[in-house]
Amino acid sequence: GIHSPWKAGSVGPESIADVVGQLERMAETLAPI
């Protein structure tokens, strides 16, 4: 799963970096599958 910050007003660099990190880790987990 990707777990996103909820009910955002503005979307800042910290939130984006958080989700980017989750996506990159997910790509690594998906590779053997």
Full PDB file with SEQRES, HELIX, SHEET, SSBOND, CRYST1, ORIGX, SCALE, CONECT and MASTER records, all heavy atoms in Angstrom:
SEQRES   1 A   33  GLY ILE HIS SER PRO TRP LYS ALA GLY SER VAL GLY PRO          
SEQRES   2 A   33  GLU SER ILE ALA ASP VAL VAL GLY GLN LEU GLU ARG MET          
SEQRES   3 A   33  ALA GLU THR LEU ALA PRO ILE                                  
HELIX    1 AA1 PRO A   13  LEU A   30  1                                  18    
CRYST1    1.000    1.000    1.000  90.00  90.00  90.00 P 1           1          
ORIGX1      1.000000  0.000000  0.000000        0.00000                         
ORIGX2      0.000000  1.000000  0.000000        0.00000                         
ORIGX3      0.000000  0.000000  1.000000        0.00000                         
SCALE1      1.000000  0.000000  0.000000        0.00000                         
SCALE2      0.000000  1.000000  0.000000        0.00000                         
SCALE3      0.000000  0.000000  1.000000        0.00000                         
ATOM      1  N   GLY A   1       0.791  -1.223   0.000  1.00  0.00           N  
ATOM      2  CA  GLY A   1       0.000   0.000   0.000  1.00  0.00           C  
ATOM      3  C   GLY A   1       0.820   1.269   0.000  1.00  0.00           C  
ATOM      4  O   GLY A   1       1.949   1.305   0.506  1.00  0.00           O  
ATOM      5  N   ILE A   2       0.236   2.309  -0.591  1.00  0.00           N  
ATOM      6  CA  ILE A   2       0.739   3.677  -0.483  1.00  0.00           C  
ATOM      7  C   ILE A   2      -0.167   4.399   0.507  1.00  0.00           C  
ATOM      8  O   ILE A   2      -1.383   4.447   0.331  1.00  0.00           O  
ATOM      9  CB  ILE A   2       0.704   4.408  -1.844  1.00  0.00           C  
ATOM     10  CG1 ILE A   2       1.579   3.689  -2.877  1.00  0.00           C  
ATOM     11  CG2 ILE A   2       1.126   5.871  -1.681  1.00  0.00           C  
ATOM     12  CD1 ILE A   2       3.049   3.699  -2.563  1.00  0.00           C  
ATOM     13  N   HIS A   3       0.428   4.948   1.556  1.00  0.00           N  
ATOM     14  CA  HIS A   3      -0.342   5.635   2.602  1.00  0.00           C  
ATOM     15  C   HIS A   3      -0.083   7.132   2.487  1.00  0.00           C  
ATOM     16  O   HIS A   3       1.029   7.613   2.732  1.00  0.00           O  
ATOM     17  CB  HIS A   3       0.054   5.112   3.978  1.00  0.00           C  
ATOM     18  CG  HIS A   3      -0.248   3.647   4.155  1.00  0.00           C  
ATOM     19  ND1 HIS A   3      -1.418   3.194   4.705  1.00  0.00           N  
ATOM     20  CD2 HIS A   3       0.470   2.553   3.804  1.00  0.00           C  
ATOM     21  CE1 HIS A   3      -1.421   1.864   4.713  1.00  0.00           C  
ATOM     22  NE2 HIS A   3      -0.286   1.450   4.175  1.00  0.00           N  
ATOM     23  N   SER A   4      -1.120   7.861   2.117  1.00  0.00           N  
ATOM     24  CA  SER A   4      -0.974   9.279   1.815  1.00  0.00           C  
ATOM     25  C   SER A   4      -1.407  10.154   2.983  1.00  0.00           C  
ATOM     26  O   SER A   4      -2.335   9.795   3.712  1.00  0.00           O  
ATOM     27  CB  SER A   4      -1.838   9.645   0.597  1.00  0.00           C  
ATOM     28  OG  SER A   4      -1.537   8.808  -0.490  1.00  0.00           O  
ATOM     29  N   PRO A   5      -0.762  11.307   3.163  1.00  0.00           N  
ATOM     30  CA  PRO A   5      -1.292  12.299   4.102  1.00  0.00           C  
ATOM     31  C   PRO A   5      -2.726  12.636   3.723  1.00  0.00           C  
ATOM     32  O   PRO A   5      -3.060  12.708   2.532  1.00  0.00           O  
ATOM     33  CB  PRO A   5      -0.358  13.490   3.908  1.00  0.00           C  
ATOM     34  CG  PRO A   5       0.902  12.900   3.363  1.00  0.00           C  
ATOM     35  CD  PRO A   5       0.481  11.744   2.517  1.00  0.00           C  
ATOM     36  N   TRP A   6      -3.576  12.861   4.703  1.00  0.00           N  
ATOM     37  CA  TRP A   6      -5.010  12.978   4.469  1.00  0.00           C  
ATOM     38  C   TRP A   6      -5.491  14.417   4.627  1.00  0.00           C  
ATOM     39  O   TRP A   6      -4.996  15.167   5.449  1.00  0.00           O  
ATOM     40  CB  TRP A   6      -5.742  12.060   5.454  1.00  0.00           C  
ATOM     41  CG  TRP A   6      -7.210  11.914   5.247  1.00  0.00           C  
ATOM     42  CD1 TRP A   6      -8.191  12.221   6.145  1.00  0.00           C  
ATOM     43  CD2 TRP A   6      -7.885  11.403   4.094  1.00  0.00           C  
ATOM     44  NE1 TRP A   6      -9.425  11.934   5.625  1.00  0.00           N  
ATOM     45  CE2 TRP A   6      -9.278  11.434   4.373  1.00  0.00           C  
ATOM     46  CE3 TRP A   6      -7.461  10.934   2.855  1.00  0.00           C  
ATOM     47  CZ2 TRP A   6     -10.228  11.019   3.444  1.00  0.00           C  
ATOM     48  CZ3 TRP A   6      -8.412  10.512   1.933  1.00  0.00           C  
ATOM     49  CH2 TRP A   6      -9.770  10.557   2.238  1.00  0.00           C  
ATOM     50  N   LYS A   7      -6.451  14.794   3.787  1.00  0.00           N  
ATOM     51  CA  LYS A   7      -7.113  16.094   3.852  1.00  0.00           C  
ATOM     52  C   LYS A   7      -6.132  17.254   3.721  1.00  0.00           C  
ATOM     53  O   LYS A   7      -6.110  18.181   4.535  1.00  0.00           O  
ATOM     54  CB  LYS A   7      -7.918  16.225   5.156  1.00  0.00           C  
ATOM     55  CG  LYS A   7      -9.107  15.282   5.238  1.00  0.00           C  
ATOM     56  CD  LYS A   7     -10.179  15.633   4.227  1.00  0.00           C  
ATOM     57  CE  LYS A   7     -11.400  14.753   4.377  1.00  0.00           C  
ATOM     58  NZ  LYS A   7     -12.414  14.999   3.341  1.00  0.00           N  
ATOM     59  N   ALA A   8      -5.331  17.197   2.682  1.00  0.00           N  
ATOM     60  CA  ALA A   8      -4.305  18.218   2.478  1.00  0.00           C  
ATOM     61  C   ALA A   8      -4.913  19.518   1.963  1.00  0.00           C  
ATOM     62  O   ALA A   8      -5.807  19.511   1.125  1.00  0.00           O  
ATOM     63  CB  ALA A   8      -3.266  17.709   1.487  1.00  0.00           C  
ATOM     64  N   GLY A   9      -4.404  20.643   2.475  1.00  0.00           N  
ATOM     65  CA  GLY A   9      -4.728  21.936   1.904  1.00  0.00           C  
ATOM     66  C   GLY A   9      -3.773  22.162   0.741  1.00  0.00           C  
ATOM     67  O   GLY A   9      -4.062  21.870  -0.405  1.00  0.00           O  
ATOM     68  N   SER A  10      -2.576  22.634   1.071  1.00  0.00           N  
ATOM     69  CA  SER A  10      -1.515  22.709   0.069  1.00  0.00           C  
ATOM     70  C   SER A  10      -0.721  21.407   0.115  1.00  0.00           C  
ATOM     71  O   SER A  10      -0.684  20.721   1.138  1.00  0.00           O  
ATOM     72  CB  SER A  10      -0.603  23.904   0.343  1.00  0.00           C  
ATOM     73  OG  SER A  10      -0.011  23.773   1.626  1.00  0.00           O  
ATOM     74  N   VAL A  11      -0.097  21.070  -0.999  1.00  0.00           N  
ATOM     75  CA  VAL A  11       0.721  19.860  -1.081  1.00  0.00           C  
ATOM     76  C   VAL A  11       2.170  20.301  -1.178  1.00  0.00           C  
ATOM     77  O   VAL A  11       2.594  20.871  -2.191  1.00  0.00           O  
ATOM     78  CB  VAL A  11       0.319  19.000  -2.297  1.00  0.00           C  
ATOM     79  CG1 VAL A  11       1.262  17.815  -2.454  1.00  0.00           C  
ATOM     80  CG2 VAL A  11      -1.121  18.516  -2.141  1.00  0.00           C  
ATOM     81  N   GLY A  12       2.931  20.058  -0.120  1.00  0.00           N  
ATOM     82  CA  GLY A  12       4.293  20.553  -0.058  1.00  0.00           C  
ATOM     83  C   GLY A  12       5.334  19.495  -0.354  1.00  0.00           C  
ATOM     84  O   GLY A  12       5.024  18.313  -0.540  1.00  0.00           O  
ATOM     85  N   PRO A  13       6.596  19.906  -0.386  1.00  0.00           N  
ATOM     86  CA  PRO A  13       7.693  18.998  -0.742  1.00  0.00           C  
ATOM     87  C   PRO A  13       7.854  17.826   0.226  1.00  0.00           C  
ATOM     88  O   PRO A  13       8.262  16.738  -0.182  1.00  0.00           O  
ATOM     89  CB  PRO A  13       8.926  19.899  -0.748  1.00  0.00           C  
ATOM     90  CG  PRO A  13       8.533  21.128   0.028  1.00  0.00           C  
ATOM     91  CD  PRO A  13       7.072  21.290  -0.176  1.00  0.00           C  
ATOM     92  N   GLU A  14       7.536  18.021   1.508  1.00  0.00           N  
ATOM     93  CA  GLU A  14       7.688  16.922   2.461  1.00  0.00           C  
ATOM     94  C   GLU A  14       6.711  15.791   2.153  1.00  0.00           C  
ATOM     95  O   GLU A  14       7.085  14.610   2.190  1.00  0.00           O  
ATOM     96  CB  GLU A  14       7.480  17.434   3.895  1.00  0.00           C  
ATOM     97  CG  GLU A  14       8.595  18.331   4.401  1.00  0.00           C  
ATOM     98  CD  GLU A  14       8.402  18.720   5.852  1.00  0.00           C  
ATOM     99  OE1 GLU A  14       7.409  18.259   6.458  1.00  0.00           O  
ATOM    100  OE2 GLU A  14       9.227  19.476   6.381  1.00  0.00           O  
ATOM    101  N   SER A  15       5.462  16.145   1.857  1.00  0.00           N  
ATOM    102  CA  SER A  15       4.463  15.125   1.523  1.00  0.00           C  
ATOM    103  C   SER A  15       4.830  14.405   0.230  1.00  0.00           C  
ATOM    104  O   SER A  15       4.702  13.179   0.127  1.00  0.00           O  
ATOM    105  CB  SER A  15       3.079  15.760   1.390  1.00  0.00           C  
ATOM    106  OG  SER A  15       2.646  16.319   2.612  1.00  0.00           O  
ATOM    107  N   ILE A  16       5.282  15.182  -0.754  1.00  0.00           N  
ATOM    108  CA  ILE A  16       5.674  14.578  -2.035  1.00  0.00           C  
ATOM    109  C   ILE A  16       6.838  13.619  -1.828  1.00  0.00           C  
ATOM    110  O   ILE A  16       6.829  12.491  -2.331  1.00  0.00           O  
ATOM    111  CB  ILE A  16       6.028  15.672  -3.058  1.00  0.00           C  
ATOM    112  CG1 ILE A  16       4.781  16.490  -3.413  1.00  0.00           C  
ATOM    113  CG2 ILE A  16       6.634  15.058  -4.318  1.00  0.00           C  
ATOM    114  CD1 ILE A  16       5.073  17.733  -4.224  1.00  0.00           C  
ATOM    115  N   ALA A  17       7.840  14.042  -1.054  1.00  0.00           N  
ATOM    116  CA  ALA A  17       9.006  13.186  -0.800  1.00  0.00           C  
ATOM    117  C   ALA A  17       8.597  11.904  -0.072  1.00  0.00           C  
ATOM    118  O   ALA A  17       9.144  10.826  -0.341  1.00  0.00           O  
ATOM    119  CB  ALA A  17      10.044  13.956   0.011  1.00  0.00           C  
ATOM    120  N   ASP A  18       7.646  12.021   0.841  1.00  0.00           N  
ATOM    121  CA  ASP A  18       7.147  10.848   1.576  1.00  0.00           C  
ATOM    122  C   ASP A  18       6.564   9.820   0.612  1.00  0.00           C  
ATOM    123  O   ASP A  18       6.911   8.632   0.648  1.00  0.00           O  
ATOM    124  CB  ASP A  18       6.097  11.300   2.585  1.00  0.00           C  
ATOM    125  CG  ASP A  18       5.456  10.139   3.331  1.00  0.00           C  
ATOM    126  OD1 ASP A  18       6.051   9.054   3.401  1.00  0.00           O  
ATOM    127  OD2 ASP A  18       4.336  10.319   3.844  1.00  0.00           O  
ATOM    128  N   VAL A  19       5.683  10.264  -0.288  1.00  0.00           N  
ATOM    129  CA  VAL A  19       5.039   9.337  -1.221  1.00  0.00           C  
ATOM    130  C   VAL A  19       6.042   8.822  -2.248  1.00  0.00           C  
ATOM    131  O   VAL A  19       5.990   7.645  -2.638  1.00  0.00           O  
ATOM    132  CB  VAL A  19       3.822  10.001  -1.897  1.00  0.00           C  
ATOM    133  CG1 VAL A  19       3.227   9.082  -2.963  1.00  0.00           C  
ATOM    134  CG2 VAL A  19       2.762  10.345  -0.854  1.00  0.00           C  
ATOM    135  N   VAL A  20       6.969   9.665  -2.684  1.00  0.00           N  
ATOM    136  CA  VAL A  20       8.020   9.198  -3.610  1.00  0.00           C  
ATOM    137  C   VAL A  20       8.804   8.049  -2.977  1.00  0.00           C  
ATOM    138  O   VAL A  20       9.065   7.018  -3.627  1.00  0.00           O  
ATOM    139  CB  VAL A  20       8.974  10.348  -3.994  1.00  0.00           C  
ATOM    140  CG1 VAL A  20      10.235   9.810  -4.661  1.00  0.00           C  
ATOM    141  CG2 VAL A  20       8.275  11.326  -4.936  1.00  0.00           C  
ATOM    142  N   GLY A  21       9.162   8.207  -1.719  1.00  0.00           N  
ATOM    143  CA  GLY A  21       9.892   7.152  -1.020  1.00  0.00           C  
ATOM    144  C   GLY A  21       9.094   5.856  -0.959  1.00  0.00           C  
ATOM    145  O   GLY A  21       9.641   4.757  -1.161  1.00  0.00           O  
ATOM    146  N   GLN A  22       7.794   5.977  -0.707  1.00  0.00           N  
ATOM    147  CA  GLN A  22       6.941   4.783  -0.672  1.00  0.00           C  
ATOM    148  C   GLN A  22       6.871   4.113  -2.046  1.00  0.00           C  
ATOM    149  O   GLN A  22       6.902   2.881  -2.153  1.00  0.00           O  
ATOM    150  CB  GLN A  22       5.538   5.159  -0.207  1.00  0.00           C  
ATOM    151  CG  GLN A  22       5.454   5.614   1.241  1.00  0.00           C  
ATOM    152  CD  GLN A  22       4.012   5.868   1.654  1.00  0.00           C  
ATOM    153  OE1 GLN A  22       3.167   4.973   1.610  1.00  0.00           O  
ATOM    154  NE2 GLN A  22       3.714   7.093   2.063  1.00  0.00           N  
ATOM    155  N   LEU A  23       6.769   4.906  -3.094  1.00  0.00           N  
ATOM    156  CA  LEU A  23       6.706   4.353  -4.446  1.00  0.00           C  
ATOM    157  C   LEU A  23       8.003   3.646  -4.824  1.00  0.00           C  
ATOM    158  O   LEU A  23       7.988   2.561  -5.425  1.00  0.00           O  
ATOM    159  CB  LEU A  23       6.408   5.466  -5.457  1.00  0.00           C  
ATOM    160  CG  LEU A  23       4.984   6.024  -5.455  1.00  0.00           C  
ATOM    161  CD1 LEU A  23       4.916   7.322  -6.259  1.00  0.00           C  
ATOM    162  CD2 LEU A  23       4.006   5.002  -6.036  1.00  0.00           C  
ATOM    163  N   GLU A  24       9.124   4.251  -4.484  1.00  0.00           N  
ATOM    164  CA  GLU A  24      10.416   3.642  -4.825  1.00  0.00           C  
ATOM    165  C   GLU A  24      10.617   2.333  -4.061  1.00  0.00           C  
ATOM    166  O   GLU A  24      11.110   1.346  -4.627  1.00  0.00           O  
ATOM    167  CB  GLU A  24      11.541   4.631  -4.540  1.00  0.00           C  
ATOM    168  CG  GLU A  24      11.554   5.805  -5.516  1.00  0.00           C  
ATOM    169  CD  GLU A  24      12.655   6.811  -5.229  1.00  0.00           C  
ATOM    170  OE1 GLU A  24      13.077   6.899  -4.048  1.00  0.00           O  
ATOM    171  OE2 GLU A  24      13.084   7.511  -6.171  1.00  0.00           O  
ATOM    172  N   ARG A  25      10.220   2.310  -2.785  1.00  0.00           N  
ATOM    173  CA  ARG A  25      10.337   1.064  -2.015  1.00  0.00           C  
ATOM    174  C   ARG A  25       9.382   0.003  -2.558  1.00  0.00           C  
ATOM    175  O   ARG A  25       9.717  -1.185  -2.601  1.00  0.00           O  
ATOM    176  CB  ARG A  25      10.069   1.335  -0.539  1.00  0.00           C  
ATOM    177  CG  ARG A  25      11.166   2.158   0.136  1.00  0.00           C  
ATOM    178  CD  ARG A  25      10.998   2.191   1.641  1.00  0.00           C  
ATOM    179  NE  ARG A  25       9.781   2.888   2.055  1.00  0.00           N  
ATOM    180  CZ  ARG A  25       9.695   4.205   2.236  1.00  0.00           C  
ATOM    181  NH1 ARG A  25      10.760   4.990   2.004  1.00  0.00           N  
ATOM    182  NH2 ARG A  25       8.568   4.759   2.645  1.00  0.00           N  
ATOM    183  N   MET A  26       8.201   0.448  -2.989  1.00  0.00           N  
ATOM    184  CA  MET A  26       7.251  -0.500  -3.560  1.00  0.00           C  
ATOM    185  C   MET A  26       7.805  -1.120  -4.838  1.00  0.00           C  
ATOM    186  O   MET A  26       7.642  -2.329  -5.079  1.00  0.00           O  
ATOM    187  CB  MET A  26       5.916   0.199  -3.850  1.00  0.00           C  
ATOM    188  CG  MET A  26       4.875  -0.715  -4.476  1.00  0.00           C  
ATOM    189  SD  MET A  26       3.285   0.101  -4.734  1.00  0.00           S  
ATOM    190  CE  MET A  26       2.639   0.102  -3.061  1.00  0.00           C  
ATOM    191  N   ALA A  27       8.470  -0.320  -5.666  1.00  0.00           N  
ATOM    192  CA  ALA A  27       9.059  -0.845  -6.900  1.00  0.00           C  
ATOM    193  C   ALA A  27      10.072  -1.946  -6.586  1.00  0.00           C  
ATOM    194  O   ALA A  27      10.136  -2.974  -7.283  1.00  0.00           O  
ATOM    195  CB  ALA A  27       9.720   0.283  -7.690  1.00  0.00           C  
ATOM    196  N   GLU A  28      10.846  -1.763  -5.532  1.00  0.00           N  
ATOM    197  CA  GLU A  28      11.825  -2.783  -5.139  1.00  0.00           C  
ATOM    198  C   GLU A  28      11.121  -4.059  -4.670  1.00  0.00           C  
ATOM    199  O   GLU A  28      11.554  -5.173  -4.994  1.00  0.00           O  
ATOM    200  CB  GLU A  28      12.726  -2.233  -4.037  1.00  0.00           C  
ATOM    201  CG  GLU A  28      13.615  -1.072  -4.489  1.00  0.00           C  
ATOM    202  CD  GLU A  28      14.398  -0.458  -3.343  1.00  0.00           C  
ATOM    203  OE1 GLU A  28      14.229  -0.938  -2.187  1.00  0.00           O  
ATOM    204  OE2 GLU A  28      15.162   0.500  -3.584  1.00  0.00           O  
ATOM    205  N   THR A  29      10.031  -3.905  -3.930  1.00  0.00           N  
ATOM    206  CA  THR A  29       9.294  -5.070  -3.434  1.00  0.00           C  
ATOM    207  C   THR A  29       8.597  -5.811  -4.567  1.00  0.00           C  
ATOM    208  O   THR A  29       8.476  -7.043  -4.546  1.00  0.00           O  
ATOM    209  CB  THR A  29       8.252  -4.622  -2.391  1.00  0.00           C  
ATOM    210  OG1 THR A  29       8.909  -3.892  -1.348  1.00  0.00           O  
ATOM    211  CG2 THR A  29       7.527  -5.812  -1.786  1.00  0.00           C  
ATOM    212  N   LEU A  30       8.148  -5.060  -5.563  1.00  0.00           N  
ATOM    213  CA  LEU A  30       7.426  -5.664  -6.685  1.00  0.00           C  
ATOM    214  C   LEU A  30       8.347  -6.412  -7.653  1.00  0.00           C  
ATOM    215  O   LEU A  30       7.894  -7.311  -8.374  1.00  0.00           O  
ATOM    216  CB  LEU A  30       6.666  -4.585  -7.461  1.00  0.00           C  
ATOM    217  CG  LEU A  30       5.417  -4.007  -6.807  1.00  0.00           C  
ATOM    218  CD1 LEU A  30       4.967  -2.756  -7.548  1.00  0.00           C  
ATOM    219  CD2 LEU A  30       4.287  -5.047  -6.772  1.00  0.00           C  
ATOM    220  N   ALA A  31       9.618  -6.046  -7.677  1.00  0.00           N  
ATOM    221  CA  ALA A  31      10.539  -6.596  -8.675  1.00  0.00           C  
ATOM    222  C   ALA A  31      10.571  -8.129  -8.692  1.00  0.00           C  
ATOM    223  O   ALA A  31      10.447  -8.734  -9.765  1.00  0.00           O  
ATOM    224  CB  ALA A  31      11.936  -6.018  -8.474  1.00  0.00           C  
ATOM    225  N   PRO A  32      10.730  -8.812  -7.546  1.00  0.00           N  
ATOM    226  CA  PRO A  32      10.743 -10.281  -7.609  1.00  0.00           C  
ATOM    227  C   PRO A  32       9.399 -10.889  -8.018  1.00  0.00           C  
ATOM    228  O   PRO A  32       9.363 -11.978  -8.589  1.00  0.00           O  
ATOM    229  CB  PRO A  32      11.137 -10.699  -6.184  1.00  0.00           C  
ATOM    230  CG  PRO A  32      10.865  -9.511  -5.332  1.00  0.00           C  
ATOM    231  CD  PRO A  32      11.049  -8.316  -6.201  1.00  0.00           C  
ATOM    232  N   ILE A  33       8.313 -10.189  -7.764  1.00  0.00           N  
ATOM    233  CA  ILE A  33       6.997 -10.680  -8.186  1.00  0.00           C  
ATOM    234  C   ILE A  33       6.857 -10.520  -9.691  1.00  0.00           C  
ATOM    235  O   ILE A  33       6.371 -11.417 -10.392  1.00  0.00           O  
ATOM    236  CB  ILE A  33       5.874  -9.921  -7.449  1.00  0.00           C  
ATOM    237  CG1 ILE A  33       6.049 -10.037  -5.938  1.00  0.00           C  
ATOM    238  CG2 ILE A  33       4.490 -10.448  -7.879  1.00  0.00           C  
ATOM    239  CD1 ILE A  33       5.104  -9.149  -5.142  1.00  0.00           C  
TER     240      ILE A  33                                                      
MASTER        0    0    0    1    0    0    0    6  239    1    0    3          
END                                                                             
